[in-house]
């Protein structure tokens, strides 16, 4: 197994194989966390793929934000980021206000300086890196292209998904069942991801 800290470094320097390798190492923990939240919230099984995608994005964010001087290993730090994002996702999609979350970790707890003041890890502007900025621009162009070629109905589904609407809300607005919205959204999601990440 490759050293995760080496993979973090390689990922930050633009190595395209490093992040997938790191994600492969931590994915079992992500699935455990997603399963825990699904089992604690009835009806959330339909969001499994969305929650996994949210957790993958969180790992990417954690790779860019992590610093070894914060006093926590990368896995610990990463799982805090993942839990926060997933809990926010669940909160947005809950239909019952009676459910409470007690395990959310405040962002302020990520790191503390020697004086006891809490602060977020410093963020670096990745868009100032020419290669990263070029890749982001290429991905944005591919995304614009695929959206421009979508059928109007698919654009409506994509818009509802990107607005963070629940399956129920989107289904009512678009006059379709939750299952129809979910299957159409999943097809669009896979197509968008393949196009943006791989140019397929």
C-alpha atoms as a PDB file:
ATOM      1  CA  UNK A   1       0.000   0.000   0.000  1.00  0.00           C
ATOM      2  CA  UNK A   2       1.346   3.415  -0.969  1.00  0.00           C
ATOM      3  CA  UNK A   3       2.042   6.020   1.675  1.00  0.00           C
ATOM      4  CA  UNK A   4      -0.999   8.387   1.858  1.00  0.00           C
ATOM      5  CA  UNK A   5       1.226  11.396   2.536  1.00  0.00           C
ATOM      6  CA  UNK A   6       3.214  10.715  -0.614  1.00  0.00           C
ATOM      7  CA  UNK A   7      -0.064  10.429  -2.516  1.00  0.00           C
ATOM      8  CA  UNK A   8      -1.234  13.770  -1.075  1.00  0.00           C
ATOM      9  CA  UNK A   9       1.978  15.415  -2.254  1.00  0.00           C
ATOM     10  CA  UNK A  10       1.784  13.817  -5.691  1.00  0.00           C
ATOM     11  CA  UNK A  11      -1.874  14.767  -6.038  1.00  0.00           C
ATOM     12  CA  UNK A  12      -1.081  18.398  -5.234  1.00  0.00           C
ATOM     13  CA  UNK A  13       1.663  18.434  -7.851  1.00  0.00           C
ATOM     14  CA  UNK A  14      -0.753  17.263 -10.551  1.00  0.00           C
ATOM     15  CA  UNK A  15      -0.086  13.512 -10.660  1.00  0.00           C
ATOM     16  CA  UNK A  16      -3.324  12.140 -12.172  1.00  0.00           C
ATOM     17  CA  UNK A  17      -2.905   8.686 -10.622  1.00  0.00           C
ATOM     18  CA  UNK A  18      -2.251   9.842  -7.056  1.00  0.00           C
ATOM     19  CA  UNK A  19      -5.742  10.972  -6.045  1.00  0.00           C
ATOM     20  CA  UNK A  20      -7.524   7.831  -7.327  1.00  0.00           C
ATOM     21  CA  UNK A  21      -4.977   5.721  -5.418  1.00  0.00           C
ATOM     22  CA  UNK A  22      -5.573   7.712  -2.231  1.00  0.00           C
ATOM     23  CA  UNK A  23      -9.330   7.535  -2.712  1.00  0.00           C
ATOM     24  CA  UNK A  24      -9.063   3.761  -3.145  1.00  0.00           C
ATOM     25  CA  UNK A  25      -7.321   3.525   0.248  1.00  0.00           C
ATOM     26  CA  UNK A  26      -9.916   5.572   2.116  1.00  0.00           C
ATOM     27  CA  UNK A  27     -13.048   4.451   0.255  1.00  0.00           C
ATOM     28  CA  UNK A  28     -13.958   1.664   2.729  1.00  0.00           C
ATOM     29  CA  UNK A  29     -14.210   4.287   5.502  1.00  0.00           C
ATOM     30  CA  UNK A  30     -16.357   6.485   3.262  1.00  0.00           C
ATOM     31  CA  UNK A  31     -18.758   3.617   2.601  1.00  0.00           C
ATOM     32  CA  UNK A  32     -19.013   2.877   6.331  1.00  0.00           C
ATOM     33  CA  UNK A  33     -19.896   6.514   7.010  1.00  0.00           C
ATOM     34  CA  UNK A  34     -22.466   6.623   4.207  1.00  0.00           C
ATOM     35  CA  UNK A  35     -24.013   3.347   5.434  1.00  0.00           C
ATOM     36  CA  UNK A  36     -24.173   4.714   8.984  1.00  0.00           C
ATOM     37  CA  UNK A  37     -26.071   7.806   7.899  1.00  0.00           C
ATOM     38  CA  UNK A  38     -28.397   5.845   5.625  1.00  0.00           C
ATOM     39  CA  UNK A  39     -29.248   3.385   8.398  1.00  0.00           C
ATOM     40  CA  UNK A  40     -29.944   6.297  10.771  1.00  0.00           C
ATOM     41  CA  UNK A  41     -32.261   8.058   8.320  1.00  0.00           C
ATOM     42  CA  UNK A  42     -35.178   6.166   6.855  1.00  0.00           C
ATOM     43  CA  UNK A  43     -35.641   6.560   3.127  1.00  0.00           C
ATOM     44  CA  UNK A  44     -32.101   7.736   2.416  1.00  0.00           C
ATOM     45  CA  UNK A  45     -31.099   4.616   0.492  1.00  0.00           C
ATOM     46  CA  UNK A  46     -32.056   6.435  -2.724  1.00  0.00           C
ATOM     47  CA  UNK A  47     -29.323   9.002  -1.972  1.00  0.00           C
ATOM     48  CA  UNK A  48     -26.506   6.457  -1.625  1.00  0.00           C
ATOM     49  CA  UNK A  49     -24.700   7.388  -4.865  1.00  0.00           C
ATOM     50  CA  UNK A  50     -25.120  11.105  -4.197  1.00  0.00           C
ATOM     51  CA  UNK A  51     -23.684  10.683  -0.707  1.00  0.00           C
ATOM     52  CA  UNK A  52     -20.720   8.713  -2.029  1.00  0.00           C
ATOM     53  CA  UNK A  53     -20.035  11.472  -4.571  1.00  0.00           C
ATOM     54  CA  UNK A  54     -20.241  14.069  -1.789  1.00  0.00           C
ATOM     55  CA  UNK A  55     -17.722  12.048   0.231  1.00  0.00           C
ATOM     56  CA  UNK A  56     -15.336  11.808  -2.756  1.00  0.00           C
ATOM     57  CA  UNK A  57     -15.478  15.583  -3.175  1.00  0.00           C
ATOM     58  CA  UNK A  58     -14.766  15.943   0.551  1.00  0.00           C
ATOM     59  CA  UNK A  59     -11.629  13.815   0.223  1.00  0.00           C
ATOM     60  CA  UNK A  60     -10.456  16.061  -2.604  1.00  0.00           C
ATOM     61  CA  UNK A  61     -11.089  19.133  -0.418  1.00  0.00           C
ATOM     62  CA  UNK A  62      -9.242  17.498   2.478  1.00  0.00           C
ATOM     63  CA  UNK A  63      -6.208  16.724   0.290  1.00  0.00           C
ATOM     64  CA  UNK A  64      -5.900  20.390  -0.607  1.00  0.00           C
ATOM     65  CA  UNK A  65      -6.524  21.693   2.937  1.00  0.00           C
ATOM     66  CA  UNK A  66      -4.532  19.217   5.028  1.00  0.00           C
ATOM     67  CA  UNK A  67      -1.325  20.258   6.787  1.00  0.00           C
ATOM     68  CA  UNK A  68       0.792  17.985   8.950  1.00  0.00           C
ATOM     69  CA  UNK A  69       1.177  20.655  11.643  1.00  0.00           C
ATOM     70  CA  UNK A  70      -2.510  20.598  12.635  1.00  0.00           C
ATOM     71  CA  UNK A  71      -1.958  17.768  15.098  1.00  0.00           C
ATOM     72  CA  UNK A  72      -4.078  15.119  13.391  1.00  0.00           C
ATOM     73  CA  UNK A  73      -3.357  12.421  10.852  1.00  0.00           C
ATOM     74  CA  UNK A  74      -4.760  12.793   7.374  1.00  0.00           C
ATOM     75  CA  UNK A  75      -7.376  10.062   7.813  1.00  0.00           C
ATOM     76  CA  UNK A  76      -8.755  11.686  10.978  1.00  0.00           C
ATOM     77  CA  UNK A  77      -8.834  15.106   9.355  1.00  0.00           C
ATOM     78  CA  UNK A  78     -10.341  13.753   6.152  1.00  0.00           C
ATOM     79  CA  UNK A  79     -13.144  11.889   7.914  1.00  0.00           C
ATOM     80  CA  UNK A  80     -14.103  15.049   9.818  1.00  0.00           C
ATOM     81  CA  UNK A  81     -14.423  16.872   6.512  1.00  0.00           C
ATOM     82  CA  UNK A  82     -16.434  13.974   5.073  1.00  0.00           C
ATOM     83  CA  UNK A  83     -18.785  13.753   8.079  1.00  0.00           C
ATOM     84  CA  UNK A  84     -19.484  17.476   8.001  1.00  0.00           C
ATOM     85  CA  UNK A  85     -20.321  17.448   4.304  1.00  0.00           C
ATOM     86  CA  UNK A  86     -22.507  14.341   4.565  1.00  0.00           C
ATOM     87  CA  UNK A  87     -24.369  15.692   7.584  1.00  0.00           C
ATOM     88  CA  UNK A  88     -25.042  18.919   5.675  1.00  0.00           C
ATOM     89  CA  UNK A  89     -26.295  16.843   2.745  1.00  0.00           C
ATOM     90  CA  UNK A  90     -28.640  14.864   4.993  1.00  0.00           C
ATOM     91  CA  UNK A  91     -29.934  18.012   6.681  1.00  0.00           C
ATOM     92  CA  UNK A  92     -30.759  19.552   3.303  1.00  0.00           C
ATOM     93  CA  UNK A  93     -32.700  16.475   2.251  1.00  0.00           C
ATOM     94  CA  UNK A  94     -34.554  15.636   5.416  1.00  0.00           C
ATOM     95  CA  UNK A  95     -38.319  15.788   5.206  1.00  0.00           C
ATOM     96  CA  UNK A  96     -38.805  15.393   8.943  1.00  0.00           C
ATOM     97  CA  UNK A  97     -37.689  18.161  11.283  1.00  0.00           C
ATOM     98  CA  UNK A  98     -37.638  15.825  14.257  1.00  0.00           C
ATOM     99  CA  UNK A  99     -34.321  14.210  13.307  1.00  0.00           C
ATOM    100  CA  UNK A 100     -31.287  15.707  15.015  1.00  0.00           C
ATOM    101  CA  UNK A 101     -27.607  15.315  14.402  1.00  0.00           C
ATOM    102  CA  UNK A 102     -25.214  15.175  17.336  1.00  0.00           C
ATOM    103  CA  UNK A 103     -22.076  13.982  15.579  1.00  0.00           C
ATOM    104  CA  UNK A 104     -21.350  16.942  13.339  1.00  0.00           C
ATOM    105  CA  UNK A 105     -17.888  18.340  13.957  1.00  0.00           C
ATOM    106  CA  UNK A 106     -17.737  22.156  13.892  1.00  0.00           C
ATOM    107  CA  UNK A 107     -15.415  23.524  11.256  1.00  0.00           C
ATOM    108  CA  UNK A 108     -13.773  25.592  13.997  1.00  0.00           C
ATOM    109  CA  UNK A 109     -12.463  22.366  15.568  1.00  0.00           C
ATOM    110  CA  UNK A 110     -10.256  21.495  12.632  1.00  0.00           C
ATOM    111  CA  UNK A 111      -7.147  23.134  14.001  1.00  0.00           C
ATOM    112  CA  UNK A 112      -5.933  25.252  16.913  1.00  0.00           C
ATOM    113  CA  UNK A 113      -2.901  27.471  17.174  1.00  0.00           C
ATOM    114  CA  UNK A 114      -0.622  27.510  20.274  1.00  0.00           C
ATOM    115  CA  UNK A 115      -2.674  30.330  21.863  1.00  0.00           C
ATOM    116  CA  UNK A 116      -5.810  28.213  21.751  1.00  0.00           C
ATOM    117  CA  UNK A 117      -7.467  30.217  19.009  1.00  0.00           C
ATOM    118  CA  UNK A 118      -9.130  28.037  16.428  1.00  0.00           C
ATOM    119  CA  UNK A 119      -8.593  28.634  12.751  1.00  0.00           C
ATOM    120  CA  UNK A 120      -9.216  26.911   9.477  1.00  0.00           C
ATOM    121  CA  UNK A 121      -6.263  25.470   7.594  1.00  0.00           C
ATOM    122  CA  UNK A 122      -4.788  27.929   5.152  1.00  0.00           C
ATOM    123  CA  UNK A 123      -6.095  27.510   1.650  1.00  0.00           C
ATOM    124  CA  UNK A 124      -3.899  27.957  -1.372  1.00  0.00           C
ATOM    125  CA  UNK A 125      -5.224  29.399  -4.594  1.00  0.00           C
ATOM    126  CA  UNK A 126      -4.925  26.433  -6.938  1.00  0.00           C
ATOM    127  CA  UNK A 127      -6.217  28.490  -9.842  1.00  0.00           C
ATOM    128  CA  UNK A 128      -2.954  30.440  -9.732  1.00  0.00           C
ATOM    129  CA  UNK A 129      -1.191  27.216 -10.794  1.00  0.00           C
ATOM    130  CA  UNK A 130      -1.130  27.221 -14.636  1.00  0.00           C
ATOM    131  CA  UNK A 131      -1.603  23.473 -15.153  1.00  0.00           C
ATOM    132  CA  UNK A 132      -4.447  23.254 -12.622  1.00  0.00           C
ATOM    133  CA  UNK A 133      -6.154  26.356 -14.077  1.00  0.00           C
ATOM    134  CA  UNK A 134      -5.847  24.919 -17.606  1.00  0.00           C
ATOM    135  CA  UNK A 135      -7.416  21.613 -16.521  1.00  0.00           C
ATOM    136  CA  UNK A 136     -10.243  23.429 -14.750  1.00  0.00           C
ATOM    137  CA  UNK A 137     -10.921  25.525 -17.842  1.00  0.00           C
ATOM    138  CA  UNK A 138     -10.932  22.440 -20.055  1.00  0.00           C
ATOM    139  CA  UNK A 139     -13.326  20.659 -17.686  1.00  0.00           C
ATOM    140  CA  UNK A 140     -15.603  23.738 -17.622  1.00  0.00           C
ATOM    141  CA  UNK A 141     -15.626  23.871 -21.421  1.00  0.00           C
ATOM    142  CA  UNK A 142     -16.507  20.172 -21.641  1.00  0.00           C
ATOM    143  CA  UNK A 143     -19.302  20.697 -19.099  1.00  0.00           C
ATOM    144  CA  UNK A 144     -20.725  23.676 -21.018  1.00  0.00           C
ATOM    145  CA  UNK A 145     -20.589  21.628 -24.217  1.00  0.00           C
ATOM    146  CA  UNK A 146     -22.447  18.642 -22.802  1.00  0.00           C
ATOM    147  CA  UNK A 147     -25.103  20.859 -21.180  1.00  0.00           C
ATOM    148  CA  UNK A 148     -25.683  22.715 -24.457  1.00  0.00           C
ATOM    149  CA  UNK A 149     -26.342  19.371 -26.183  1.00  0.00           C
ATOM    150  CA  UNK A 150     -28.757  18.047 -23.541  1.00  0.00           C
ATOM    151  CA  UNK A 151     -32.444  17.672 -24.160  1.00  0.00           C
ATOM    152  CA  UNK A 152     -34.513  20.382 -22.401  1.00  0.00           C
ATOM    153  CA  UNK A 153     -35.914  17.800 -19.953  1.00  0.00           C
ATOM    154  CA  UNK A 154     -32.425  16.637 -18.983  1.00  0.00           C
ATOM    155  CA  UNK A 155     -31.396  20.253 -18.407  1.00  0.00           C
ATOM    156  CA  UNK A 156     -34.378  20.686 -16.078  1.00  0.00           C
ATOM    157  CA  UNK A 157     -33.367  17.567 -14.130  1.00  0.00           C
ATOM    158  CA  UNK A 158     -29.754  18.759 -13.941  1.00  0.00           C
ATOM    159  CA  UNK A 159     -30.874  22.189 -12.749  1.00  0.00           C
ATOM    160  CA  UNK A 160     -33.060  20.695 -10.001  1.00  0.00           C
ATOM    161  CA  UNK A 161     -30.195  18.452  -8.896  1.00  0.00           C
ATOM    162  CA  UNK A 162     -27.678  21.306  -8.833  1.00  0.00           C
ATOM    163  CA  UNK A 163     -30.143  23.454  -6.839  1.00  0.00           C
ATOM    164  CA  UNK A 164     -30.053  20.787  -4.114  1.00  0.00           C
ATOM    165  CA  UNK A 165     -33.742  19.935  -4.362  1.00  0.00           C
ATOM    166  CA  UNK A 166     -34.954  16.699  -2.841  1.00  0.00           C
ATOM    167  CA  UNK A 167     -36.197  13.945  -5.100  1.00  0.00           C
ATOM    168  CA  UNK A 168     -39.729  14.715  -3.910  1.00  0.00           C
ATOM    169  CA  UNK A 169     -39.464  18.456  -4.619  1.00  0.00           C
ATOM    170  CA  UNK A 170     -37.901  17.904  -8.027  1.00  0.00           C
ATOM    171  CA  UNK A 171     -40.427  15.225  -8.942  1.00  0.00           C
ATOM    172  CA  UNK A 172     -43.351  17.498  -8.056  1.00  0.00           C
ATOM    173  CA  UNK A 173     -41.911  20.430 -10.012  1.00  0.00           C
ATOM    174  CA  UNK A 174     -41.114  18.310 -13.065  1.00  0.00           C
ATOM    175  CA  UNK A 175     -44.278  16.152 -12.898  1.00  0.00           C
ATOM    176  CA  UNK A 176     -42.433  12.870 -12.459  1.00  0.00           C
ATOM    177  CA  UNK A 177     -42.093  10.300  -9.694  1.00  0.00           C
ATOM    178  CA  UNK A 178     -39.141  10.322  -7.325  1.00  0.00           C
ATOM    179  CA  UNK A 179     -37.927   7.097  -8.945  1.00  0.00           C
ATOM    180  CA  UNK A 180     -38.115   8.600 -12.434  1.00  0.00           C
ATOM    181  CA  UNK A 181     -36.236  11.692 -11.318  1.00  0.00           C
ATOM    182  CA  UNK A 182     -33.611   9.572  -9.526  1.00  0.00           C
ATOM    183  CA  UNK A 183     -32.926   7.283 -12.477  1.00  0.00           C
ATOM    184  CA  UNK A 184     -32.762  10.187 -14.936  1.00  0.00           C
ATOM    185  CA  UNK A 185     -30.501  12.176 -12.616  1.00  0.00           C
ATOM    186  CA  UNK A 186     -28.208   9.175 -12.184  1.00  0.00           C
ATOM    187  CA  UNK A 187     -27.860   8.755 -15.952  1.00  0.00           C
ATOM    188  CA  UNK A 188     -27.057  12.467 -16.326  1.00  0.00           C
ATOM    189  CA  UNK A 189     -24.620  12.357 -13.402  1.00  0.00           C
ATOM    190  CA  UNK A 190     -22.600   9.525 -14.937  1.00  0.00           C
ATOM    191  CA  UNK A 191     -22.522  11.237 -18.317  1.00  0.00           C
ATOM    192  CA  UNK A 192     -21.404  14.559 -16.797  1.00  0.00           C
ATOM    193  CA  UNK A 193     -18.692  12.922 -14.669  1.00  0.00           C
ATOM    194  CA  UNK A 194     -17.316  10.919 -17.599  1.00  0.00           C
ATOM    195  CA  UNK A 195     -17.280  13.999 -19.804  1.00  0.00           C
ATOM    196  CA  UNK A 196     -15.751  16.386 -17.279  1.00  0.00           C
ATOM    197  CA  UNK A 197     -13.147  14.024 -15.840  1.00  0.00           C
ATOM    198  CA  UNK A 198     -12.272  11.918 -18.850  1.00  0.00           C
ATOM    199  CA  UNK A 199     -13.537  13.839 -21.873  1.00  0.00           C
ATOM    200  CA  UNK A 200     -15.707  10.851 -22.897  1.00  0.00           C
END
